[in-house]
């Protein structure tokens, strides 16, 4: 996280553009811009700016947005709900469909079923998310009128409205992630199904369900890793989806902050996303013992 903090700070401050000039407007004089730079602390040496910012971060103060004059922590809290909803429901959708499809493809390896599942996975993984999103909007919203085109409704507005507005974004992201998870599940299941204990189980006459269950338990670690990393990636990578569907989440907040050169917001969002990524990877590592009893030996 220290490395991330340094990188995030340097990335924003060394990038082209001057937030003071953006905030001052087109008609501002050089003196006006310099006054704003001094007020924002941008006239100080870079090291002094970093030490001041990192000291505030350690106390939980992510700064104040230069464009809205609202605390960054407040903006992140306000925008966290849509992003978390999309990420969690996308993962749920992908796991519910991808793991069974991967298991079936591995169990019937080389068959027409396996080939069709892999063909669909390759196609879904190869198509850009924004193209899938626009395609779903055209078919399900414009042509069929089943779902809203854009926007977001909180759960307090009603469960039906909440899920209706989440369905298209989750499908758009979920198809791509489901393709990745399906391929991972198939690969790990093929390896597990080739082990000696599986051949022994088949020779003893165990049913297909028990054999698959035993293989899936031993193939769970890579699948859990993919799911965990996927959650972290989705939380930090929904920029395109939120832009396509006009969802006021962290992705839209980041895009708006970049366009306005709002350093505190950019730094705060990237830092929080990185912390979530690190935390989820730690949880995944600690969960390995639940799926692989050999780690207790």
Protein backbone atom coordinates (compact mmCIF):
# COMPACT_ATOMS: atom_id res chain seq x y z
CA UNK A 1 0.00 0.00 0.00
CA UNK A 2 2.96 2.32 0.59
CA UNK A 3 4.17 1.63 -2.95
CA UNK A 4 0.63 2.21 -4.26
CA UNK A 5 0.37 5.50 -2.38
CA UNK A 6 3.64 6.77 -3.87
CA UNK A 7 2.66 5.65 -7.36
CA UNK A 8 -0.83 7.18 -7.17
CA UNK A 9 0.52 10.49 -5.93
CA UNK A 10 3.21 10.71 -8.61
CA UNK A 11 0.81 9.55 -11.33
CA UNK A 12 -1.61 12.37 -10.65
CA UNK A 13 0.90 15.15 -10.01
CA UNK A 14 3.20 14.38 -12.94
CA UNK A 15 0.38 13.99 -15.46
CA UNK A 16 -0.35 16.87 -17.90
CA UNK A 17 -2.82 19.53 -16.80
CA UNK A 18 -3.15 22.05 -14.01
CA UNK A 19 -6.13 21.71 -11.63
CA UNK A 20 -5.70 25.35 -10.59
CA UNK A 21 -6.12 26.49 -14.20
CA UNK A 22 -9.20 24.29 -14.62
CA UNK A 23 -10.71 25.63 -11.42
CA UNK A 24 -9.91 29.25 -12.34
CA UNK A 25 -11.65 29.08 -15.71
CA UNK A 26 -10.76 30.27 -19.19
CA UNK A 27 -10.87 33.98 -18.37
CA UNK A 28 -8.56 33.83 -15.36
CA UNK A 29 -5.26 35.70 -15.37
CA UNK A 30 -1.89 34.18 -14.50
CA UNK A 31 -2.05 35.87 -11.09
CA UNK A 32 -5.46 34.30 -10.41
CA UNK A 33 -4.13 30.85 -11.27
CA UNK A 34 -1.09 31.31 -9.05
CA UNK A 35 -3.28 32.37 -6.13
CA UNK A 36 -5.38 29.25 -6.52
CA UNK A 37 -2.25 27.10 -6.76
CA UNK A 38 -0.98 28.60 -3.53
CA UNK A 39 -4.34 28.04 -1.81
CA UNK A 40 -4.32 24.39 -2.94
CA UNK A 41 -0.71 23.89 -1.85
CA UNK A 42 0.43 23.07 -5.38
CA UNK A 43 3.21 25.65 -5.24
CA UNK A 44 5.08 23.63 -2.61
CA UNK A 45 7.83 21.09 -3.44
CA UNK A 46 6.52 17.69 -4.53
CA UNK A 47 8.02 15.87 -1.54
CA UNK A 48 6.40 18.30 0.89
CA UNK A 49 3.04 17.82 -0.85
CA UNK A 50 3.38 14.03 -0.62
CA UNK A 51 4.31 14.06 3.07
CA UNK A 52 1.36 16.34 3.84
CA UNK A 53 -1.06 14.19 1.84
CA UNK A 54 0.19 10.85 3.20
CA UNK A 55 0.05 12.19 6.76
CA UNK A 56 -3.60 13.13 6.25
CA UNK A 57 -4.35 9.71 4.71
CA UNK A 58 -2.94 7.93 7.77
CA UNK A 59 -5.48 9.81 9.90
CA UNK A 60 -8.34 8.92 7.54
CA UNK A 61 -8.46 12.29 5.83
CA UNK A 62 -8.47 11.84 2.05
CA UNK A 63 -8.74 15.55 1.40
CA UNK A 64 -11.40 17.74 -0.17
CA UNK A 65 -12.47 17.72 -3.82
CA UNK A 66 -11.12 20.76 -5.63
CA UNK A 67 -14.11 20.86 -7.99
CA UNK A 68 -17.02 20.32 -5.58
CA UNK A 69 -15.44 21.32 -2.24
CA UNK A 70 -16.85 18.14 -0.71
CA UNK A 71 -14.69 15.74 1.37
CA UNK A 72 -13.37 12.89 -0.78
CA UNK A 73 -14.44 10.29 1.78
CA UNK A 74 -18.02 11.60 1.53
CA UNK A 75 -17.98 11.40 -2.28
CA UNK A 76 -16.63 7.83 -2.18
CA UNK A 77 -19.24 6.81 0.38
CA UNK A 78 -22.03 8.29 -1.76
CA UNK A 79 -20.81 6.48 -4.90
CA UNK A 80 -19.80 3.17 -3.31
CA UNK A 81 -23.30 1.65 -3.33
CA UNK A 82 -23.82 1.35 -7.12
CA UNK A 83 -20.29 0.04 -7.71
CA UNK A 84 -20.50 -2.58 -4.96
CA UNK A 85 -23.94 -3.66 -6.18
CA UNK A 86 -22.71 -4.16 -9.73
CA UNK A 87 -19.55 -5.98 -8.62
CA UNK A 88 -21.25 -8.36 -6.19
CA UNK A 89 -24.20 -9.25 -8.41
CA UNK A 90 -21.88 -9.70 -11.39
CA UNK A 91 -19.76 -12.16 -9.40
CA UNK A 92 -22.87 -13.98 -8.19
CA UNK A 93 -24.24 -14.25 -11.72
CA UNK A 94 -20.89 -15.44 -13.10
CA UNK A 95 -20.28 -18.05 -10.39
CA UNK A 96 -23.79 -19.52 -10.58
CA UNK A 97 -23.44 -20.15 -14.31
CA UNK A 98 -19.70 -20.43 -14.95
CA UNK A 99 -18.81 -23.14 -12.42
CA UNK A 100 -21.51 -25.61 -13.58
CA UNK A 101 -20.64 -24.92 -17.23
CA UNK A 102 -16.94 -25.48 -16.55
CA UNK A 103 -17.66 -28.71 -14.70
CA UNK A 104 -19.86 -30.01 -17.52
CA UNK A 105 -17.23 -29.07 -20.12
CA UNK A 106 -14.53 -30.91 -18.17
CA UNK A 107 -16.69 -33.99 -17.53
CA UNK A 108 -17.56 -34.19 -21.22
CA UNK A 109 -14.13 -33.10 -22.48
CA UNK A 110 -13.78 -33.45 -26.25
CA UNK A 111 -17.52 -33.77 -26.85
CA UNK A 112 -19.72 -31.39 -28.82
CA UNK A 113 -21.00 -29.99 -25.50
CA UNK A 114 -17.48 -29.15 -24.41
CA UNK A 115 -16.68 -27.52 -27.74
CA UNK A 116 -19.84 -25.40 -27.72
CA UNK A 117 -19.21 -24.19 -24.16
CA UNK A 118 -15.61 -23.29 -24.97
CA UNK A 119 -16.65 -21.57 -28.22
CA UNK A 120 -19.19 -19.45 -26.35
CA UNK A 121 -16.57 -18.63 -23.68
CA UNK A 122 -14.01 -17.51 -26.24
CA UNK A 123 -16.58 -15.34 -28.00
CA UNK A 124 -17.81 -13.74 -24.76
CA UNK A 125 -14.26 -13.07 -23.57
CA UNK A 126 -13.23 -11.57 -26.92
CA UNK A 127 -16.05 -9.03 -27.24
CA UNK A 128 -15.45 -5.66 -25.51
CA UNK A 129 -17.67 -4.94 -22.51
CA UNK A 130 -19.04 -1.70 -23.99
CA UNK A 131 -20.09 -3.54 -27.17
CA UNK A 132 -21.92 -6.19 -25.16
CA UNK A 133 -23.58 -3.41 -23.16
CA UNK A 134 -24.79 -1.51 -26.20
CA UNK A 135 -26.00 -4.75 -27.78
CA UNK A 136 -28.03 -5.67 -24.69
CA UNK A 137 -29.45 -2.13 -24.50
CA UNK A 138 -30.54 -2.32 -28.14
CA UNK A 139 -32.19 -5.74 -27.81
CA UNK A 140 -33.62 -5.78 -24.28
CA UNK A 141 -34.36 -2.08 -23.80
CA UNK A 142 -34.98 -0.42 -27.15
CA UNK A 143 -36.46 -3.29 -29.13
CA UNK A 144 -38.19 -5.31 -26.41
CA UNK A 145 -38.72 -2.59 -23.80
CA UNK A 146 -38.05 -4.99 -20.93
CA UNK A 147 -35.42 -3.04 -18.99
CA UNK A 148 -34.43 0.61 -18.44
CA UNK A 149 -31.73 1.91 -20.77
CA UNK A 150 -29.67 3.80 -18.19
CA UNK A 151 -29.60 5.01 -14.62
CA UNK A 152 -29.54 3.54 -11.13
CA UNK A 153 -32.11 3.16 -8.39
CA UNK A 154 -31.22 2.42 -4.79
CA UNK A 155 -32.87 -0.44 -2.94
CA UNK A 156 -34.89 2.09 -0.95
CA UNK A 157 -36.71 2.99 -4.18
CA UNK A 158 -38.05 -0.54 -4.40
CA UNK A 159 -36.56 -3.98 -5.01
CA UNK A 160 -38.01 -4.24 -8.53
CA UNK A 161 -36.55 -0.92 -9.69
CA UNK A 162 -33.23 -1.73 -8.01
CA UNK A 163 -32.78 -5.07 -9.77
CA UNK A 164 -34.16 -3.83 -13.10
CA UNK A 165 -31.51 -1.11 -13.29
CA UNK A 166 -28.73 -3.53 -12.26
CA UNK A 167 -29.58 -6.34 -14.65
CA UNK A 168 -28.09 -4.92 -17.86
CA UNK A 169 -24.78 -3.71 -16.31
CA UNK A 170 -24.35 -7.03 -14.49
CA UNK A 171 -25.06 -9.01 -17.65
CA UNK A 172 -22.57 -6.93 -19.63
CA UNK A 173 -19.77 -7.46 -17.13
CA UNK A 174 -20.91 -10.93 -16.11
CA UNK A 175 -20.70 -12.48 -19.57
CA UNK A 176 -17.03 -11.55 -19.89
CA UNK A 177 -16.15 -12.65 -16.38
CA UNK A 178 -18.25 -15.80 -16.72
CA UNK A 179 -16.22 -16.77 -19.80
CA UNK A 180 -12.97 -16.44 -17.85
CA UNK A 181 -14.29 -18.39 -14.86
CA UNK A 182 -15.72 -21.13 -17.08
CA UNK A 183 -12.35 -21.70 -18.73
CA UNK A 184 -10.57 -21.71 -15.37
CA UNK A 185 -13.07 -24.18 -13.90
CA UNK A 186 -12.73 -26.49 -16.89
CA UNK A 187 -8.92 -26.44 -16.76
CA UNK A 188 -8.70 -27.16 -13.02
CA UNK A 189 -11.41 -29.83 -13.20
CA UNK A 190 -9.64 -31.59 -16.07
CA UNK A 191 -6.49 -31.74 -13.96
CA UNK A 192 -8.40 -33.05 -10.93
CA UNK A 193 -10.33 -35.64 -12.95
CA UNK A 194 -7.03 -37.07 -14.17
CA UNK A 195 -5.76 -37.84 -10.65
CA UNK A 196 -5.39 -41.38 -9.32
CA UNK A 197 -8.01 -40.99 -6.60
CA UNK A 198 -10.63 -40.14 -9.21
CA UNK A 199 -9.79 -43.24 -11.25
CA UNK A 200 -10.02 -45.27 -8.03
CA UNK A 201 -13.39 -43.74 -7.20
CA UNK A 202 -14.71 -44.61 -10.66
CA UNK A 203 -13.36 -48.15 -10.36
CA UNK A 204 -15.21 -48.58 -7.05
CA UNK A 205 -18.44 -47.66 -8.80
CA UNK A 206 -19.08 -44.24 -7.27
CA UNK A 207 -21.75 -42.23 -9.09
CA UNK A 208 -20.91 -39.33 -11.37
CA UNK A 209 -22.17 -36.75 -8.87
CA UNK A 210 -19.88 -37.97 -6.08
CA UNK A 211 -16.90 -38.18 -8.41
CA UNK A 212 -17.49 -34.64 -9.69
CA UNK A 213 -17.96 -33.34 -6.15
CA UNK A 214 -14.66 -34.84 -4.96
CA UNK A 215 -12.85 -33.44 -8.00
CA UNK A 216 -14.43 -30.00 -7.55
CA UNK A 217 -13.35 -29.79 -3.91
CA UNK A 218 -9.74 -30.43 -4.89
CA UNK A 219 -9.96 -28.01 -7.82
CA UNK A 220 -11.50 -25.23 -5.72
CA UNK A 221 -8.37 -23.21 -4.88
CA UNK A 222 -7.71 -21.78 -8.37
CA UNK A 223 -11.44 -21.13 -8.80
CA UNK A 224 -11.66 -19.29 -5.47
CA UNK A 225 -8.59 -17.27 -6.41
CA UNK A 226 -10.19 -16.26 -9.71
CA UNK A 227 -13.43 -15.29 -7.96
CA UNK A 228 -11.62 -13.25 -5.30
CA UNK A 229 -9.40 -11.41 -7.75
CA UNK A 230 -12.45 -10.85 -9.96
CA UNK A 231 -14.31 -9.08 -7.14
CA UNK A 232 -11.40 -6.71 -6.62
CA UNK A 233 -10.98 -6.11 -10.35
CA UNK A 234 -14.68 -5.43 -10.81
CA UNK A 235 -14.78 -2.88 -7.99
CA UNK A 236 -11.92 -0.98 -9.58
CA UNK A 237 -12.80 -1.68 -13.20
CA UNK A 238 -16.43 -0.74 -13.76
CA UNK A 239 -15.55 2.58 -15.40
CA UNK A 240 -16.71 1.56 -18.87
CA UNK A 241 -19.90 -0.09 -17.66
CA UNK A 242 -20.90 2.83 -15.45
CA UNK A 243 -20.22 5.22 -18.33
CA UNK A 244 -22.31 3.19 -20.80
CA UNK A 245 -25.27 2.91 -18.43
CA UNK A 246 -24.89 6.35 -16.76
CA UNK A 247 -24.54 4.84 -13.29
CA UNK A 248 -23.30 7.23 -10.58
CA UNK A 249 -20.65 4.93 -9.12
CA UNK A 250 -16.93 5.11 -8.43
CA UNK A 251 -16.15 4.64 -12.11
CA UNK A 252 -18.09 7.75 -13.14
CA UNK A 253 -16.63 9.63 -10.18
CA UNK A 254 -13.11 8.77 -11.35
CA UNK A 255 -13.80 9.79 -14.95
CA UNK A 256 -15.26 13.13 -13.87
CA UNK A 257 -12.31 13.72 -11.53
CA UNK A 258 -9.79 13.00 -14.29
CA UNK A 259 -11.54 15.43 -16.66
CA UNK A 260 -11.46 18.13 -13.97
CA UNK A 261 -7.92 17.31 -12.78
CA UNK A 262 -9.35 16.77 -9.31
CA UNK A 263 -6.25 15.31 -7.66
CA UNK A 264 -7.72 14.50 -4.21
CA UNK A 265 -10.63 12.51 -5.68
CA UNK A 266 -8.42 10.58 -8.12
CA UNK A 267 -5.92 9.73 -5.38
CA UNK A 268 -8.65 8.77 -2.90
CA UNK A 269 -10.52 6.46 -5.28
CA UNK A 270 -7.36 4.73 -6.51
CA UNK A 271 -6.10 4.27 -2.97
CA UNK A 272 -9.39 2.78 -1.75
CA UNK A 273 -9.64 0.47 -4.79
CA UNK A 274 -6.08 -0.72 -4.19
CA UNK A 275 -6.78 -1.36 -0.51
CA UNK A 276 -9.85 -3.43 -1.43
CA UNK A 277 -7.75 -5.39 -3.93
CA UNK A 278 -5.08 -6.16 -1.33
CA UNK A 279 -7.65 -7.06 1.35
CA UNK A 280 -9.59 -9.45 -0.90
CA UNK A 281 -6.39 -11.18 -2.01
CA UNK A 282 -5.46 -11.63 1.67
CA UNK A 283 -8.89 -13.12 2.43
CA UNK A 284 -8.54 -15.49 -0.53
CA UNK A 285 -5.12 -16.63 0.67
CA UNK A 286 -6.44 -17.26 4.17
CA UNK A 287 -9.44 -19.20 2.80
CA UNK A 288 -7.28 -21.84 1.11
CA UNK A 289 -7.35 -23.98 4.25
CA UNK A 290 -11.12 -24.28 3.94
CA UNK A 291 -10.83 -25.95 0.54
CA UNK A 292 -7.53 -27.83 0.78
CA UNK A 293 -7.12 -29.89 3.99
CA UNK A 294 -3.56 -30.79 2.93
CA UNK A 295 -2.44 -27.28 3.99
CA UNK A 296 -3.05 -28.22 7.65
CA UNK A 297 -0.45 -30.98 7.50
